[in-house]
Amino acid sequence: MIATGTAPARLGPRLRHLLELCPEEYPVADVGSGHGRLALELARRRPGAEVYATEARPGPARELRRLLGPSSPVLVLEGPGLEPLQGLGCRGAVIAGMGGHTIREILQASPALALGLDWLCLQPMQDWEPLWSWVTGSGWWDPQGTSCRERSRIYRTLLLRPR
């Protein structure tokens, strides 16, 4: 179980970089949260703010709830892509730890939800170039790109704001 007190979550350079790029505009969601550490750190940054962590399927959502523990300030939601965020008033979302094609599919599946957010922070594990081409070609967002290194790998990160 991940500690949910005031101590910072254990984040490597890749997730710390992602966290630093995220605007402090809440409510916020970590889409495809995995272990939930980033969502916990987002909640720790602003106690009392609404932070959601999503997983597409029941098994991973159950495991995420177990990892976060019963006293977690993060609310776990289940469902594909951005759909679980419908009606929650999220201002921003993080989508990381998956491929660029998958991230693009998530955004394309729910364009109204994606464009209704004040910001999106994207960090694909691979397929950066096709995601970048799609984002810049869509004309929907003003992208800001950065990168970081973890071990021998470079991770590219995008902060998007709707035009």
C-alpha atoms as a PDB file:
ATOM      1  CA  MET A   1       0.000   0.000   0.000  1.00  0.00           C
ATOM      2  CA  ILE A   2       1.203   3.530  -0.782  1.00  0.00           C
ATOM      3  CA  ALA A   3       1.398   5.901   2.178  1.00  0.00           C
ATOM      4  CA  THR A   4      -1.309   8.559   1.898  1.00  0.00           C
ATOM      5  CA  GLY A   5      -0.154  10.945   4.623  1.00  0.00           C
ATOM      6  CA  THR A   6       1.674  14.198   4.054  1.00  0.00           C
ATOM      7  CA  ALA A   7       4.939  12.565   2.976  1.00  0.00           C
ATOM      8  CA  PRO A   8       5.621  12.894  -0.754  1.00  0.00           C
ATOM      9  CA  ALA A   9       4.969   9.884  -2.956  1.00  0.00           C
ATOM     10  CA  ARG A  10       8.044   8.193  -4.407  1.00  0.00           C
ATOM     11  CA  LEU A  11       8.309   9.624  -7.900  1.00  0.00           C
ATOM     12  CA  GLY A  12      11.152   9.073 -10.324  1.00  0.00           C
ATOM     13  CA  PRO A  13      12.459  11.864 -12.553  1.00  0.00           C
ATOM     14  CA  ARG A  14       9.866  11.166 -15.270  1.00  0.00           C
ATOM     15  CA  LEU A  15       6.864  11.561 -12.955  1.00  0.00           C
ATOM     16  CA  ARG A  16       8.426  14.481 -11.037  1.00  0.00           C
ATOM     17  CA  HIS A  17       8.894  16.299 -14.345  1.00  0.00           C
ATOM     18  CA  LEU A  18       5.282  15.582 -15.257  1.00  0.00           C
ATOM     19  CA  LEU A  19       4.056  16.848 -11.874  1.00  0.00           C
ATOM     20  CA  GLU A  20       6.089  20.062 -12.192  1.00  0.00           C
ATOM     21  CA  LEU A  21       4.540  20.753 -15.583  1.00  0.00           C
ATOM     22  CA  CYS A  22       0.946  20.291 -14.343  1.00  0.00           C
ATOM     23  CA  PRO A  23      -0.811  23.575 -13.588  1.00  0.00           C
ATOM     24  CA  GLU A  24      -2.251  23.857 -10.083  1.00  0.00           C
ATOM     25  CA  GLU A  25      -5.808  24.127 -11.384  1.00  0.00           C
ATOM     26  CA  TYR A  26      -8.189  21.643  -9.774  1.00  0.00           C
ATOM     27  CA  PRO A  27     -10.206  19.360  -9.938  1.00  0.00           C
ATOM     28  CA  VAL A  28      -7.716  17.201 -11.817  1.00  0.00           C
ATOM     29  CA  ALA A  29      -7.566  13.607 -13.070  1.00  0.00           C
ATOM     30  CA  ASP A  30      -4.781  11.114 -13.650  1.00  0.00           C
ATOM     31  CA  VAL A  31      -6.131   9.044 -16.557  1.00  0.00           C
ATOM     32  CA  GLY A  32      -4.826   5.479 -16.588  1.00  0.00           C
ATOM     33  CA  SER A  33      -3.269   6.081 -13.188  1.00  0.00           C
ATOM     34  CA  GLY A  34      -1.596   2.693 -12.706  1.00  0.00           C
ATOM     35  CA  HIS A  35      -0.012   2.723  -9.227  1.00  0.00           C
ATOM     36  CA  GLY A  36      -1.612   6.083  -8.306  1.00  0.00           C
ATOM     37  CA  ARG A  37       1.551   7.818  -7.087  1.00  0.00           C
ATOM     38  CA  LEU A  38       1.142  10.814  -9.381  1.00  0.00           C
ATOM     39  CA  ALA A  39      -2.512  11.218  -8.348  1.00  0.00           C
ATOM     40  CA  LEU A  40      -1.472  11.082  -4.683  1.00  0.00           C
ATOM     41  CA  GLU A  41       1.150  13.741  -5.224  1.00  0.00           C
ATOM     42  CA  LEU A  42      -1.376  15.938  -7.036  1.00  0.00           C
ATOM     43  CA  ALA A  43      -3.666  15.571  -3.992  1.00  0.00           C
ATOM     44  CA  ARG A  44      -0.805  16.323  -1.591  1.00  0.00           C
ATOM     45  CA  ARG A  45      -0.016  19.566  -3.440  1.00  0.00           C
ATOM     46  CA  ARG A  46      -3.470  20.919  -2.642  1.00  0.00           C
ATOM     47  CA  PRO A  47      -5.158  19.229   0.335  1.00  0.00           C
ATOM     48  CA  GLY A  48      -8.925  19.111   0.013  1.00  0.00           C
ATOM     49  CA  ALA A  49      -8.899  19.538  -3.773  1.00  0.00           C
ATOM     50  CA  GLU A  50     -10.688  16.949  -5.877  1.00  0.00           C
ATOM     51  CA  VAL A  51      -8.263  14.515  -7.506  1.00  0.00           C
ATOM     52  CA  TYR A  52      -9.435  11.560  -9.560  1.00  0.00           C
ATOM     53  CA  ALA A  53      -7.507   8.517 -10.750  1.00  0.00           C
ATOM     54  CA  THR A  54      -8.999   6.430 -13.542  1.00  0.00           C
ATOM     55  CA  GLU A  55      -8.537   2.920 -14.837  1.00  0.00           C
ATOM     56  CA  ALA A  56     -10.393   1.482 -17.826  1.00  0.00           C
ATOM     57  CA  ARG A  57     -11.155  -1.975 -16.414  1.00  0.00           C
ATOM     58  CA  PRO A  58     -12.416  -3.405 -13.098  1.00  0.00           C
ATOM     59  CA  GLY A  59      -9.255  -5.381 -12.218  1.00  0.00           C
ATOM     60  CA  PRO A  60      -6.806  -2.476 -12.502  1.00  0.00           C
ATOM     61  CA  ALA A  61      -9.301  -0.150 -10.766  1.00  0.00           C
ATOM     62  CA  ARG A  62      -9.571  -2.609  -7.851  1.00  0.00           C
ATOM     63  CA  GLU A  63      -5.777  -2.836  -7.620  1.00  0.00           C
ATOM     64  CA  LEU A  64      -5.470   0.959  -7.705  1.00  0.00           C
ATOM     65  CA  ARG A  65      -7.974   1.254  -4.829  1.00  0.00           C
ATOM     66  CA  ARG A  66      -5.964  -1.330  -2.879  1.00  0.00           C
ATOM     67  CA  LEU A  67      -2.673   0.481  -3.525  1.00  0.00           C
ATOM     68  CA  LEU A  68      -4.071   3.865  -2.528  1.00  0.00           C
ATOM     69  CA  GLY A  69      -5.754   2.501   0.591  1.00  0.00           C
ATOM     70  CA  PRO A  70      -9.028   3.374   2.298  1.00  0.00           C
ATOM     71  CA  SER A  71      -7.878   6.767   3.627  1.00  0.00           C
ATOM     72  CA  SER A  72      -6.677   8.053   0.256  1.00  0.00           C
ATOM     73  CA  PRO A  73      -7.792  11.549  -0.773  1.00  0.00           C
ATOM     74  CA  VAL A  74      -7.887  10.314  -4.397  1.00  0.00           C
ATOM     75  CA  LEU A  75     -11.197   9.072  -5.804  1.00  0.00           C
ATOM     76  CA  VAL A  76     -10.766   6.101  -8.154  1.00  0.00           C
ATOM     77  CA  LEU A  77     -13.069   6.014 -11.183  1.00  0.00           C
ATOM     78  CA  GLU A  78     -13.543   3.194 -13.652  1.00  0.00           C
ATOM     79  CA  GLY A  79     -14.130   3.549 -17.371  1.00  0.00           C
ATOM     80  CA  PRO A  80     -12.358   4.116 -20.674  1.00  0.00           C
ATOM     81  CA  GLY A  81     -10.375   7.249 -21.445  1.00  0.00           C
ATOM     82  CA  LEU A  82     -11.885  10.547 -20.390  1.00  0.00           C
ATOM     83  CA  GLU A  83     -15.438   9.163 -20.069  1.00  0.00           C
ATOM     84  CA  PRO A  84     -15.351   8.723 -16.257  1.00  0.00           C
ATOM     85  CA  LEU A  85     -14.726  12.490 -15.949  1.00  0.00           C
ATOM     86  CA  GLN A  86     -18.060  13.417 -17.540  1.00  0.00           C
ATOM     87  CA  GLY A  87     -19.882  15.946 -15.348  1.00  0.00           C
ATOM     88  CA  LEU A  88     -17.165  16.213 -12.680  1.00  0.00           C
ATOM     89  CA  GLY A  89     -15.951  19.675 -13.640  1.00  0.00           C
ATOM     90  CA  CYS A  90     -12.313  18.664 -14.063  1.00  0.00           C
ATOM     91  CA  ARG A  91     -10.058  21.533 -15.050  1.00  0.00           C
ATOM     92  CA  GLY A  92      -7.142  19.350 -16.104  1.00  0.00           C
ATOM     93  CA  ALA A  93      -6.011  15.822 -16.820  1.00  0.00           C
ATOM     94  CA  VAL A  94      -2.762  13.918 -17.035  1.00  0.00           C
ATOM     95  CA  ILE A  95      -2.441  11.094 -19.551  1.00  0.00           C
ATOM     96  CA  ALA A  96       0.901   9.332 -19.275  1.00  0.00           C
ATOM     97  CA  GLY A  97       2.533   5.928 -19.188  1.00  0.00           C
ATOM     98  CA  MET A  98       1.010   4.686 -22.452  1.00  0.00           C
ATOM     99  CA  GLY A  99       1.842   5.047 -26.116  1.00  0.00           C
ATOM    100  CA  GLY A 100       1.227   8.140 -28.187  1.00  0.00           C
ATOM    101  CA  HIS A 101      -1.277   6.329 -30.413  1.00  0.00           C
ATOM    102  CA  THR A 102      -3.310   5.307 -27.351  1.00  0.00           C
ATOM    103  CA  ILE A 103      -3.252   8.864 -25.985  1.00  0.00           C
ATOM    104  CA  ARG A 104      -4.449  10.175 -29.348  1.00  0.00           C
ATOM    105  CA  GLU A 105      -7.258   7.584 -29.406  1.00  0.00           C
ATOM    106  CA  ILE A 106      -8.361   8.669 -25.910  1.00  0.00           C
ATOM    107  CA  LEU A 107      -8.536  12.312 -26.998  1.00  0.00           C
ATOM    108  CA  GLN A 108     -10.263  11.488 -30.287  1.00  0.00           C
ATOM    109  CA  ALA A 109     -12.866   9.322 -28.521  1.00  0.00           C
ATOM    110  CA  SER A 110     -14.017  12.217 -26.298  1.00  0.00           C
ATOM    111  CA  PRO A 111     -13.220  15.489 -28.072  1.00  0.00           C
ATOM    112  CA  ALA A 112     -15.830  17.515 -26.174  1.00  0.00           C
ATOM    113  CA  LEU A 113     -14.434  16.351 -22.825  1.00  0.00           C
ATOM    114  CA  ALA A 114     -10.840  16.941 -23.943  1.00  0.00           C
ATOM    115  CA  LEU A 115     -11.566  20.429 -25.254  1.00  0.00           C
ATOM    116  CA  GLY A 116     -13.631  21.222 -22.149  1.00  0.00           C
ATOM    117  CA  LEU A 117     -10.531  20.935 -19.960  1.00  0.00           C
ATOM    118  CA  ASP A 118      -8.356  23.963 -19.214  1.00  0.00           C
ATOM    119  CA  TRP A 119      -5.233  21.849 -19.692  1.00  0.00           C
ATOM    120  CA  LEU A 120      -3.914  18.413 -20.581  1.00  0.00           C
ATOM    121  CA  CYS A 121      -0.498  17.092 -19.668  1.00  0.00           C
ATOM    122  CA  LEU A 122       0.601  14.222 -21.923  1.00  0.00           C
ATOM    123  CA  GLN A 123       3.656  12.026 -21.621  1.00  0.00           C
ATOM    124  CA  PRO A 124       3.750   9.100 -24.063  1.00  0.00           C
ATOM    125  CA  MET A 125       6.094   6.188 -23.392  1.00  0.00           C
ATOM    126  CA  GLN A 126       6.661   5.793 -27.150  1.00  0.00           C
ATOM    127  CA  ASP A 127       5.259   7.133 -30.435  1.00  0.00           C
ATOM    128  CA  TRP A 128       5.945  10.767 -29.487  1.00  0.00           C
ATOM    129  CA  GLU A 129       6.222  11.984 -33.090  1.00  0.00           C
ATOM    130  CA  PRO A 130       2.781  10.815 -34.290  1.00  0.00           C
ATOM    131  CA  LEU A 131       1.158  12.321 -31.187  1.00  0.00           C
ATOM    132  CA  TRP A 132       2.990  15.631 -31.694  1.00  0.00           C
ATOM    133  CA  SER A 133       1.978  15.698 -35.382  1.00  0.00           C
ATOM    134  CA  TRP A 134      -1.653  15.022 -34.536  1.00  0.00           C
ATOM    135  CA  VAL A 135      -1.770  17.625 -31.727  1.00  0.00           C
ATOM    136  CA  THR A 136      -0.165  20.371 -33.808  1.00  0.00           C
ATOM    137  CA  GLY A 137      -2.179  19.450 -36.905  1.00  0.00           C
ATOM    138  CA  SER A 138      -5.523  19.434 -35.091  1.00  0.00           C
ATOM    139  CA  GLY A 139      -5.457  23.177 -34.444  1.00  0.00           C
ATOM    140  CA  TRP A 140      -7.326  22.528 -31.180  1.00  0.00           C
ATOM    141  CA  TRP A 141      -4.539  23.241 -28.708  1.00  0.00           C
ATOM    142  CA  ASP A 142      -1.563  25.460 -28.033  1.00  0.00           C
ATOM    143  CA  PRO A 143       1.132  22.905 -27.151  1.00  0.00           C
ATOM    144  CA  GLN A 144       4.196  23.435 -25.008  1.00  0.00           C
ATOM    145  CA  GLY A 145       6.753  20.622 -25.223  1.00  0.00           C
ATOM    146  CA  THR A 146       9.489  19.717 -22.772  1.00  0.00           C
ATOM    147  CA  SER A 147      11.581  16.647 -22.019  1.00  0.00           C
ATOM    148  CA  CYS A 148      13.368  14.913 -19.174  1.00  0.00           C
ATOM    149  CA  ARG A 149      15.734  12.006 -18.730  1.00  0.00           C
ATOM    150  CA  GLU A 150      15.232   8.988 -16.509  1.00  0.00           C
ATOM    151  CA  ARG A 151      18.142   6.582 -16.571  1.00  0.00           C
ATOM    152  CA  SER A 152      19.170   6.375 -20.222  1.00  0.00           C
ATOM    153  CA  ARG A 153      15.788   7.286 -21.691  1.00  0.00           C
ATOM    154  CA  ILE A 154      14.384  10.665 -22.727  1.00  0.00           C
ATOM    155  CA  TYR A 155      10.676  11.315 -22.119  1.00  0.00           C
ATOM    156  CA  ARG A 156       8.844  14.037 -23.975  1.00  0.00           C
ATOM    157  CA  THR A 157       5.987  15.838 -22.278  1.00  0.00           C
ATOM    158  CA  LEU A 158       3.298  18.089 -23.701  1.00  0.00           C
ATOM    159  CA  LEU A 159       1.229  20.669 -21.875  1.00  0.00           C
ATOM    160  CA  LEU A 160      -1.826  21.503 -23.954  1.00  0.00           C
ATOM    161  CA  ARG A 161      -4.263  24.370 -23.514  1.00  0.00           C
ATOM    162  CA  PRO A 162      -7.296  24.760 -25.798  1.00  0.00           C
ATOM    163  CA  ARG A 163      -7.155  27.591 -28.319  1.00  0.00           C
END
